[in-house]
Amino acid sequence: MTYNTVKPDFMLSDEVVARVPYSRAHLYRLEDQGEFPKRKRIGANRIAWIRTEVEQWLAERMEGLS
């Protein structure tokens, strides 16, 4: 039997900080300025980012470096 692993649609803050080379505080500032995807509330005490939005943001930054 094989299992397909699917990445969850959400990224928690630890994963975002590991993937994006900015501090948590800087990411929050960018978010407030509309320059980084907004967090979504996914539970009473939990927030997360939409994975595709963060990946798209990273791709746009990489294109700007070329």
Protein backbone atom coordinates (compact mmCIF):
# COMPACT_ATOMS: atom_id res chain seq x y z
CA MET A 1 0.00 0.00 0.00
CA THR A 2 1.34 3.44 -0.88
CA TYR A 3 0.55 6.70 0.80
CA ASN A 4 0.59 10.04 -0.94
CA THR A 5 1.93 12.84 1.17
CA VAL A 6 0.22 16.13 0.49
CA LYS A 7 1.54 19.37 1.87
CA PRO A 8 -1.09 21.10 3.97
CA ASP A 9 -2.62 24.22 2.50
CA PHE A 10 -1.54 26.25 5.52
CA MET A 11 1.88 27.29 6.80
CA LEU A 12 2.31 28.00 10.50
CA SER A 13 4.67 30.75 11.61
CA ASP A 14 7.64 28.44 12.30
CA GLU A 15 7.47 27.09 8.75
CA VAL A 16 7.13 30.58 7.24
CA VAL A 17 10.10 31.88 9.24
CA ALA A 18 12.16 28.85 8.14
CA ARG A 19 11.24 29.41 4.47
CA VAL A 20 11.42 33.22 4.27
CA PRO A 21 14.75 34.86 5.20
CA TYR A 22 13.21 37.56 7.42
CA SER A 23 12.52 37.75 11.12
CA ARG A 24 9.00 37.24 12.41
CA ALA A 25 8.75 40.94 13.36
CA HIS A 26 9.81 42.04 9.87
CA LEU A 27 7.27 39.72 8.26
CA TYR A 28 4.54 41.28 10.43
CA ARG A 29 5.69 44.76 9.36
CA LEU A 30 5.62 43.75 5.70
CA GLU A 31 2.15 42.28 6.22
CA ASP A 32 0.91 45.52 7.81
CA GLN A 33 2.29 47.46 4.81
CA GLY A 34 0.54 45.11 2.37
CA GLU A 35 3.85 43.74 1.08
CA PHE A 36 3.47 40.18 2.40
CA PRO A 37 0.43 37.85 2.40
CA LYS A 38 -2.00 38.31 5.30
CA ARG A 39 -2.34 35.69 8.00
CA LYS A 40 -5.64 33.84 8.30
CA ARG A 41 -7.29 32.74 11.53
CA ILE A 42 -7.83 28.99 11.32
CA GLY A 43 -8.92 28.41 14.92
CA ALA A 44 -9.61 30.17 18.17
CA ASN A 45 -5.90 30.44 19.01
CA ARG A 46 -4.22 29.65 15.71
CA ILE A 47 -3.18 31.66 12.69
CA ALA A 48 -1.54 30.53 9.47
CA TRP A 49 -0.62 31.69 6.00
CA ILE A 50 -1.98 30.20 2.79
CA ARG A 51 0.89 28.16 1.33
CA THR A 52 0.26 29.17 -2.29
CA GLU A 53 0.27 32.88 -1.37
CA VAL A 54 3.63 32.61 0.41
CA GLU A 55 5.13 30.50 -2.39
CA GLN A 56 3.90 33.01 -4.99
CA TRP A 57 5.39 35.89 -2.97
CA LEU A 58 8.74 34.06 -2.85
CA ALA A 59 8.62 33.33 -6.60
CA GLU A 60 7.97 37.00 -7.37
CA ARG A 61 11.00 37.97 -5.27
CA MET A 62 13.17 35.42 -7.08
CA GLU A 63 12.05 36.76 -10.48
CA GLY A 64 13.05 40.25 -9.36
CA LEU A 65 16.59 39.03 -8.70
CA SER A 66 17.09 37.79 -12.26
